[in-house]
Amino acid sequence: MKKREEESRFVVCVCNEGYPASLEVRKIYQVVPDTDATGHRYLRVVDESGEDYVYPAHFFVPISLPQSLEKAFALAA
């Protein structure tokens, strides 16, 4: 896995095949650090249930958010 993906705290979902109730395409998700999942090409994200689960890493694209937006997301959690 690329270093940028490991450092990213947020990703955008680009595929939800098999998980339409759990993931929405084009939605931003928060990444929960999980080196075991990353080592197997998965990411642990907080999904639509509000819980964190692992999904294939290729379902997501890492993004950088302005600090003010990251703070707003943290307050909303």
PDB file of N, CA and C in Angstrom:
ATOM      1  N   MET A   1       0.848  -1.175   0.000  1.00  0.00           N
ATOM      2  CA  MET A   1       0.000   0.000   0.000  1.00  0.00           C
ATOM      3  C   MET A   1       0.891   1.233   0.000  1.00  0.00           C
ATOM      4  N   LYS A   2       0.516   2.256  -0.712  1.00  0.00           N
ATOM      5  CA  LYS A   2       1.294   3.478  -0.800  1.00  0.00           C
ATOM      6  C   LYS A   2       1.267   4.231   0.517  1.00  0.00           C
ATOM      7  N   LYS A   3       2.373   4.915   0.810  1.00  0.00           N
ATOM      8  CA  LYS A   3       2.474   5.670   2.050  1.00  0.00           C
ATOM      9  C   LYS A   3       1.361   6.702   2.158  1.00  0.00           C
ATOM     10  N   ARG A   4       1.030   7.383   1.061  1.00  0.00           N
ATOM     11  CA  ARG A   4      -0.019   8.399   1.079  1.00  0.00           C
ATOM     12  C   ARG A   4      -1.345   7.803   1.545  1.00  0.00           C
ATOM     13  N   GLU A   5      -1.665   6.607   1.092  1.00  0.00           N
ATOM     14  CA  GLU A   5      -2.916   5.970   1.497  1.00  0.00           C
ATOM     15  C   GLU A   5      -2.899   5.638   2.976  1.00  0.00           C
ATOM     16  N   GLU A   6      -1.740   5.221   3.501  1.00  0.00           N
ATOM     17  CA  GLU A   6      -1.642   4.884   4.911  1.00  0.00           C
ATOM     18  C   GLU A   6      -1.782   6.129   5.782  1.00  0.00           C
ATOM     19  N   GLU A   7      -1.310   7.289   5.285  1.00  0.00           N
ATOM     20  CA  GLU A   7      -1.360   8.516   6.055  1.00  0.00           C
ATOM     21  C   GLU A   7      -2.713   9.213   5.960  1.00  0.00           C
ATOM     22  N   SER A   8      -3.453   8.959   4.906  1.00  0.00           N
ATOM     23  CA  SER A   8      -4.720   9.647   4.694  1.00  0.00           C
ATOM     24  C   SER A   8      -5.716   9.281   5.781  1.00  0.00           C
ATOM     25  N   ARG A   9      -6.371  10.289   6.297  1.00  0.00           N
ATOM     26  CA  ARG A   9      -7.392  10.059   7.314  1.00  0.00           C
ATOM     27  C   ARG A   9      -8.780   9.966   6.694  1.00  0.00           C
ATOM     28  N   PHE A  10      -8.885  10.369   5.413  1.00  0.00           N
ATOM     29  CA  PHE A  10     -10.174  10.353   4.726  1.00  0.00           C
ATOM     30  C   PHE A  10     -10.011   9.800   3.322  1.00  0.00           C
ATOM     31  N   VAL A  11     -11.055   9.139   2.853  1.00  0.00           N
ATOM     32  CA  VAL A  11     -11.076   8.570   1.513  1.00  0.00           C
ATOM     33  C   VAL A  11     -12.444   8.837   0.884  1.00  0.00           C
ATOM     34  N   VAL A  12     -12.501   8.746  -0.422  1.00  0.00           N
ATOM     35  CA  VAL A  12     -13.764   8.830  -1.150  1.00  0.00           C
ATOM     36  C   VAL A  12     -14.065   7.444  -1.702  1.00  0.00           C
ATOM     37  N   CYS A  13     -15.276   6.996  -1.530  1.00  0.00           N
ATOM     38  CA  CYS A  13     -15.697   5.700  -2.053  1.00  0.00           C
ATOM     39  C   CYS A  13     -15.924   5.819  -3.568  1.00  0.00           C
ATOM     40  N   VAL A  14     -15.304   4.923  -4.326  1.00  0.00           N
ATOM     41  CA  VAL A  14     -15.484   4.914  -5.779  1.00  0.00           C
ATOM     42  C   VAL A  14     -16.148   3.622  -6.262  1.00  0.00           C
ATOM     43  N   CYS A  15     -16.376   2.684  -5.332  1.00  0.00           N
ATOM     44  CA  CYS A  15     -17.019   1.414  -5.680  1.00  0.00           C
ATOM     45  C   CYS A  15     -17.661   0.851  -4.416  1.00  0.00           C
ATOM     46  N   ASN A  16     -18.873   0.345  -4.537  1.00  0.00           N
ATOM     47  CA  ASN A  16     -19.530  -0.272  -3.373  1.00  0.00           C
ATOM     48  C   ASN A  16     -20.093  -1.651  -3.710  1.00  0.00           C
ATOM     49  N   GLU A  17     -19.513  -2.278  -4.715  1.00  0.00           N
ATOM     50  CA  GLU A  17     -19.979  -3.580  -5.182  1.00  0.00           C
ATOM     51  C   GLU A  17     -20.065  -4.578  -4.026  1.00  0.00           C
ATOM     52  N   GLY A  18     -21.262  -5.094  -3.803  1.00  0.00           N
ATOM     53  CA  GLY A  18     -21.488  -6.048  -2.731  1.00  0.00           C
ATOM     54  C   GLY A  18     -21.840  -5.415  -1.394  1.00  0.00           C
ATOM     55  N   TYR A  19     -21.726  -4.081  -1.307  1.00  0.00           N
ATOM     56  CA  TYR A  19     -21.988  -3.389  -0.041  1.00  0.00           C
ATOM     57  C   TYR A  19     -22.841  -2.133  -0.239  1.00  0.00           C
ATOM     58  N   PRO A  20     -23.911  -2.195  -1.029  1.00  0.00           N
ATOM     59  CA  PRO A  20     -24.671  -0.972  -1.315  1.00  0.00           C
ATOM     60  C   PRO A  20     -25.329  -0.330  -0.091  1.00  0.00           C
ATOM     61  N   ALA A  21     -25.627  -1.113   0.938  1.00  0.00           N
ATOM     62  CA  ALA A  21     -26.236  -0.540   2.141  1.00  0.00           C
ATOM     63  C   ALA A  21     -25.186   0.048   3.094  1.00  0.00           C
ATOM     64  N   SER A  22     -23.936  -0.361   2.916  1.00  0.00           N
ATOM     65  CA  SER A  22     -22.873   0.057   3.832  1.00  0.00           C
ATOM     66  C   SER A  22     -22.023   1.209   3.320  1.00  0.00           C
ATOM     67  N   LEU A  23     -21.892   1.308   1.993  1.00  0.00           N
ATOM     68  CA  LEU A  23     -21.043   2.322   1.378  1.00  0.00           C
ATOM     69  C   LEU A  23     -21.793   3.054   0.278  1.00  0.00           C
ATOM     70  N   GLU A  24     -21.591   4.367   0.208  1.00  0.00           N
ATOM     71  CA  GLU A  24     -22.176   5.173  -0.854  1.00  0.00           C
ATOM     72  C   GLU A  24     -21.059   5.695  -1.757  1.00  0.00           C
ATOM     73  N   VAL A  25     -21.196   5.457  -3.043  1.00  0.00           N
ATOM     74  CA  VAL A  25     -20.215   5.955  -4.004  1.00  0.00           C
ATOM     75  C   VAL A  25     -20.212   7.481  -3.961  1.00  0.00           C
ATOM     76  N   ARG A  26     -19.026   8.082  -4.068  1.00  0.00           N
ATOM     77  CA  ARG A  26     -18.769   9.527  -4.044  1.00  0.00           C
ATOM     78  C   ARG A  26     -18.915  10.140  -2.648  1.00  0.00           C
ATOM     79  N   LYS A  27     -18.986   9.325  -1.617  1.00  0.00           N
ATOM     80  CA  LYS A  27     -19.087   9.838  -0.248  1.00  0.00           C
ATOM     81  C   LYS A  27     -17.723   9.744   0.441  1.00  0.00           C
ATOM     82  N   ILE A  28     -17.453  10.694   1.319  1.00  0.00           N
ATOM     83  CA  ILE A  28     -16.203  10.721   2.078  1.00  0.00           C
ATOM     84  C   ILE A  28     -16.368   9.861   3.327  1.00  0.00           C
ATOM     85  N   TYR A  29     -15.338   9.026   3.587  1.00  0.00           N
ATOM     86  CA  TYR A  29     -15.330   8.165   4.766  1.00  0.00           C
ATOM     87  C   TYR A  29     -14.049   8.375   5.559  1.00  0.00           C
ATOM     88  N   GLN A  30     -14.158   8.254   6.871  1.00  0.00           N
ATOM     89  CA  GLN A  30     -13.001   8.366   7.736  1.00  0.00           C
ATOM     90  C   GLN A  30     -12.309   7.007   7.838  1.00  0.00           C
ATOM     91  N   VAL A  31     -10.985   7.035   7.733  1.00  0.00           N
ATOM     92  CA  VAL A  31     -10.185   5.819   7.850  1.00  0.00           C
ATOM     93  C   VAL A  31      -9.789   5.610   9.306  1.00  0.00           C
ATOM     94  N   VAL A  32      -9.885   4.370   9.758  1.00  0.00           N
ATOM     95  CA  VAL A  32      -9.420   3.982  11.086  1.00  0.00           C
ATOM     96  C   VAL A  32      -8.124   3.191  10.865  1.00  0.00           C
ATOM     97  N   PRO A  33      -7.018   3.612  11.486  1.00  0.00           N
ATOM     98  CA  PRO A  33      -5.750   2.905  11.276  1.00  0.00           C
ATOM     99  C   PRO A  33      -5.860   1.421  11.627  1.00  0.00           C
ATOM    100  N   ASP A  34      -5.386   0.576  10.727  1.00  0.00           N
ATOM    101  CA  ASP A  34      -5.387  -0.870  10.934  1.00  0.00           C
ATOM    102  C   ASP A  34      -4.310  -1.457  10.034  1.00  0.00           C
ATOM    103  N   THR A  35      -3.113  -1.660  10.574  1.00  0.00           N
ATOM    104  CA  THR A  35      -1.992  -2.141   9.755  1.00  0.00           C
ATOM    105  C   THR A  35      -2.225  -3.553   9.234  1.00  0.00           C
ATOM    106  N   ASP A  36      -2.941  -4.389   9.984  1.00  0.00           N
ATOM    107  CA  ASP A  36      -3.235  -5.738   9.495  1.00  0.00           C
ATOM    108  C   ASP A  36      -4.105  -5.673   8.241  1.00  0.00           C
ATOM    109  N   ALA A  37      -5.145  -4.850   8.283  1.00  0.00           N
ATOM    110  CA  ALA A  37      -6.029  -4.708   7.117  1.00  0.00           C
ATOM    111  C   ALA A  37      -5.260  -4.134   5.933  1.00  0.00           C
ATOM    112  N   THR A  38      -4.465  -3.095   6.184  1.00  0.00           N
ATOM    113  CA  THR A  38      -3.700  -2.467   5.119  1.00  0.00           C
ATOM    114  C   THR A  38      -2.740  -3.464   4.474  1.00  0.00           C
ATOM    115  N   GLY A  39      -2.144  -4.311   5.288  1.00  0.00           N
ATOM    116  CA  GLY A  39      -1.225  -5.324   4.774  1.00  0.00           C
ATOM    117  C   GLY A  39      -1.891  -6.335   3.862  1.00  0.00           C
ATOM    118  N   HIS A  40      -3.197  -6.462   3.973  1.00  0.00           N
ATOM    119  CA  HIS A  40      -3.962  -7.384   3.123  1.00  0.00           C
ATOM    120  C   HIS A  40      -4.758  -6.648   2.048  1.00  0.00           C
ATOM    121  N   ARG A  41      -4.398  -5.381   1.812  1.00  0.00           N
ATOM    122  CA  ARG A  41      -5.045  -4.540   0.802  1.00  0.00           C
ATOM    123  C   ARG A  41      -6.508  -4.229   1.116  1.00  0.00           C
ATOM    124  N   TYR A  42      -6.757  -4.003   2.389  1.00  0.00           N
ATOM    125  CA  TYR A  42      -8.067  -3.569   2.856  1.00  0.00           C
ATOM    126  C   TYR A  42      -7.897  -2.271   3.633  1.00  0.00           C
ATOM    127  N   LEU A  43      -8.980  -1.536   3.776  1.00  0.00           N
ATOM    128  CA  LEU A  43      -9.002  -0.347   4.615  1.00  0.00           C
ATOM    129  C   LEU A  43     -10.122  -0.497   5.629  1.00  0.00           C
ATOM    130  N   ARG A  44      -9.879  -0.020   6.817  1.00  0.00           N
ATOM    131  CA  ARG A  44     -10.922   0.010   7.841  1.00  0.00           C
ATOM    132  C   ARG A  44     -11.507   1.413   7.831  1.00  0.00           C
ATOM    133  N   VAL A  45     -12.791   1.508   7.530  1.00  0.00           N
ATOM    134  CA  VAL A  45     -13.460   2.805   7.475  1.00  0.00           C
ATOM    135  C   VAL A  45     -14.729   2.774   8.311  1.00  0.00           C
ATOM    136  N   VAL A  46     -15.156   3.954   8.750  1.00  0.00           N
ATOM    137  CA  VAL A  46     -16.434   4.086   9.449  1.00  0.00           C
ATOM    138  C   VAL A  46     -17.497   4.190   8.362  1.00  0.00           C
ATOM    139  N   ASP A  47     -18.338   3.168   8.259  1.00  0.00           N
ATOM    140  CA  ASP A  47     -19.305   3.106   7.166  1.00  0.00           C
ATOM    141  C   ASP A  47     -20.666   3.684   7.566  1.00  0.00           C
ATOM    142  N   GLU A  48     -21.681   3.419   6.771  1.00  0.00           N
ATOM    143  CA  GLU A  48     -23.021   3.971   6.989  1.00  0.00           C
ATOM    144  C   GLU A  48     -23.667   3.514   8.291  1.00  0.00           C
ATOM    145  N   SER A  49     -23.190   2.407   8.850  1.00  0.00           N
ATOM    146  CA  SER A  49     -23.744   1.927  10.122  1.00  0.00           C
ATOM    147  C   SER A  49     -23.203   2.732  11.302  1.00  0.00           C
ATOM    148  N   GLY A  50     -22.145   3.521  11.046  1.00  0.00           N
ATOM    149  CA  GLY A  50     -21.514   4.266  12.125  1.00  0.00           C
ATOM    150  C   GLY A  50     -20.418   3.467  12.814  1.00  0.00           C
ATOM    151  N   GLU A  51     -20.232   2.240  12.393  1.00  0.00           N
ATOM    152  CA  GLU A  51     -19.188   1.362  12.933  1.00  0.00           C
ATOM    153  C   GLU A  51     -18.060   1.242  11.917  1.00  0.00           C
ATOM    154  N   ASP A  52     -16.890   0.791  12.380  1.00  0.00           N
ATOM    155  CA  ASP A  52     -15.783   0.615  11.440  1.00  0.00           C
ATOM    156  C   ASP A  52     -15.679  -0.841  10.997  1.00  0.00           C
ATOM    157  N   TYR A  53     -15.509  -1.020   9.700  1.00  0.00           N
ATOM    158  CA  TYR A  53     -15.376  -2.333   9.076  1.00  0.00           C
ATOM    159  C   TYR A  53     -14.298  -2.256   8.010  1.00  0.00           C
ATOM    160  N   VAL A  54     -13.794  -3.408   7.600  1.00  0.00           N
ATOM    161  CA  VAL A  54     -12.790  -3.434   6.544  1.00  0.00           C
ATOM    162  C   VAL A  54     -13.455  -3.683   5.187  1.00  0.00           C
ATOM    163  N   TYR A  55     -12.916  -2.997   4.194  1.00  0.00           N
ATOM    164  CA  TYR A  55     -13.371  -3.120   2.809  1.00  0.00           C
ATOM    165  C   TYR A  55     -12.158  -3.142   1.907  1.00  0.00           C
ATOM    166  N   PRO A  56     -12.292  -3.682   0.695  1.00  0.00           N
ATOM    167  CA  PRO A  56     -11.161  -3.663  -0.232  1.00  0.00           C
ATOM    168  C   PRO A  56     -10.657  -2.236  -0.457  1.00  0.00           C
ATOM    169  N   ALA A  57      -9.350  -2.061  -0.391  1.00  0.00           N
ATOM    170  CA  ALA A  57      -8.745  -0.727  -0.533  1.00  0.00           C
ATOM    171  C   ALA A  57      -9.066  -0.096  -1.880  1.00  0.00           C
ATOM    172  N   HIS A  58      -9.234  -0.924  -2.922  1.00  0.00           N
ATOM    173  CA  HIS A  58      -9.505  -0.344  -4.251  1.00  0.00           C
ATOM    174  C   HIS A  58     -10.911   0.269  -4.347  1.00  0.00           C
ATOM    175  N   PHE A  59     -11.722   0.128  -3.326  1.00  0.00           N
ATOM    176  CA  PHE A  59     -13.027   0.784  -3.284  1.00  0.00           C
ATOM    177  C   PHE A  59     -12.901   2.276  -2.983  1.00  0.00           C
ATOM    178  N   PHE A  60     -11.700   2.724  -2.600  1.00  0.00           N
ATOM    179  CA  PHE A  60     -11.513   4.088  -2.109  1.00  0.00           C
ATOM    180  C   PHE A  60     -10.324   4.784  -2.757  1.00  0.00           C
ATOM    181  N   VAL A  61     -10.401   6.106  -2.770  1.00  0.00           N
ATOM    182  CA  VAL A  61      -9.292   6.951  -3.205  1.00  0.00           C
ATOM    183  C   VAL A  61      -8.986   7.886  -2.038  1.00  0.00           C
ATOM    184  N   PRO A  62      -7.708   7.920  -1.599  1.00  0.00           N
ATOM    185  CA  PRO A  62      -7.361   8.811  -0.487  1.00  0.00           C
ATOM    186  C   PRO A  62      -7.454  10.276  -0.898  1.00  0.00           C
ATOM    187  N   ILE A  63      -7.873  11.114   0.036  1.00  0.00           N
ATOM    188  CA  ILE A  63      -7.976  12.552  -0.235  1.00  0.00           C
ATOM    189  C   ILE A  63      -7.382  13.336   0.931  1.00  0.00           C
ATOM    190  N   SER A  64      -6.992  14.573   0.642  1.00  0.00           N
ATOM    191  CA  SER A  64      -6.546  15.505   1.671  1.00  0.00           C
ATOM    192  C   SER A  64      -7.631  16.546   1.837  1.00  0.00           C
ATOM    193  N   LEU A  65      -7.957  16.839   3.072  1.00  0.00           N
ATOM    194  CA  LEU A  65      -8.984  17.834   3.364  1.00  0.00           C
ATOM    195  C   LEU A  65      -8.340  19.034   4.047  1.00  0.00           C
ATOM    196  N   PRO A  66      -8.896  20.210   3.849  1.00  0.00           N
ATOM    197  CA  PRO A  66      -8.416  21.362   4.606  1.00  0.00           C
ATOM    198  C   PRO A  66      -8.599  21.095   6.101  1.00  0.00           C
ATOM    199  N   GLN A  67      -7.710  21.634   6.909  1.00  0.00           N
ATOM    200  CA  GLN A  67      -7.756  21.403   8.346  1.00  0.00           C
ATOM    201  C   GLN A  67      -9.105  21.807   8.942  1.00  0.00           C
ATOM    202  N   SER A  68      -9.690  22.892   8.444  1.00  0.00           N
ATOM    203  CA  SER A  68     -10.978  23.339   8.979  1.00  0.00           C
ATOM    204  C   SER A  68     -12.075  22.304   8.729  1.00  0.00           C
ATOM    205  N   LEU A  69     -12.021  21.632   7.591  1.00  0.00           N
ATOM    206  CA  LEU A  69     -13.011  20.600   7.293  1.00  0.00           C
ATOM    207  C   LEU A  69     -12.784  19.363   8.144  1.00  0.00           C
ATOM    208  N   GLU A  70     -11.521  19.002   8.373  1.00  0.00           N
ATOM    209  CA  GLU A  70     -11.235  17.859   9.254  1.00  0.00           C
ATOM    210  C   GLU A  70     -11.778  18.127  10.654  1.00  0.00           C
ATOM    211  N   LYS A  71     -11.597  19.356  11.136  1.00  0.00           N
ATOM    212  CA  LYS A  71     -12.124  19.727  12.459  1.00  0.00           C
ATOM    213  C   LYS A  71     -13.639  19.639  12.485  1.00  0.00           C
ATOM    214  N   ALA A  72     -14.294  20.085  11.415  1.00  0.00           N
ATOM    215  CA  ALA A  72     -15.753  20.033  11.348  1.00  0.00           C
ATOM    216  C   ALA A  72     -16.237  18.581  11.382  1.00  0.00           C
ATOM    217  N   PHE A  73     -15.551  17.690  10.674  1.00  0.00           N
ATOM    218  CA  PHE A  73     -15.910  16.266  10.698  1.00  0.00           C
ATOM    219  C   PHE A  73     -15.725  15.697  12.098  1.00  0.00           C
ATOM    220  N   ALA A  74     -14.645  16.080  12.778  1.00  0.00           N
ATOM    221  CA  ALA A  74     -14.376  15.571  14.120  1.00  0.00           C
ATOM    222  C   ALA A  74     -15.472  16.019  15.092  1.00  0.00           C
ATOM    223  N   LEU A  75     -15.954  17.225  14.953  1.00  0.00           N
ATOM    224  CA  LEU A  75     -17.005  17.738  15.825  1.00  0.00           C
ATOM    225  C   LEU A  75     -18.332  17.040  15.565  1.00  0.00           C
ATOM    226  N   ALA A  76     -18.560  16.621  14.323  1.00  0.00           N
ATOM    227  CA  ALA A  76     -19.819  15.990  13.956  1.00  0.00           C
ATOM    228  C   ALA A  76     -19.886  14.535  14.414  1.00  0.00           C
ATOM    229  N   ALA A  77     -18.747  13.952  14.755  1.00  0.00           N
ATOM    230  CA  ALA A  77     -18.702  12.513  15.111  1.00  0.00           C
ATOM    231  C   ALA A  77     -19.257  12.225  16.467  1.00  0.00           C
TER     232      ALA A  77
END
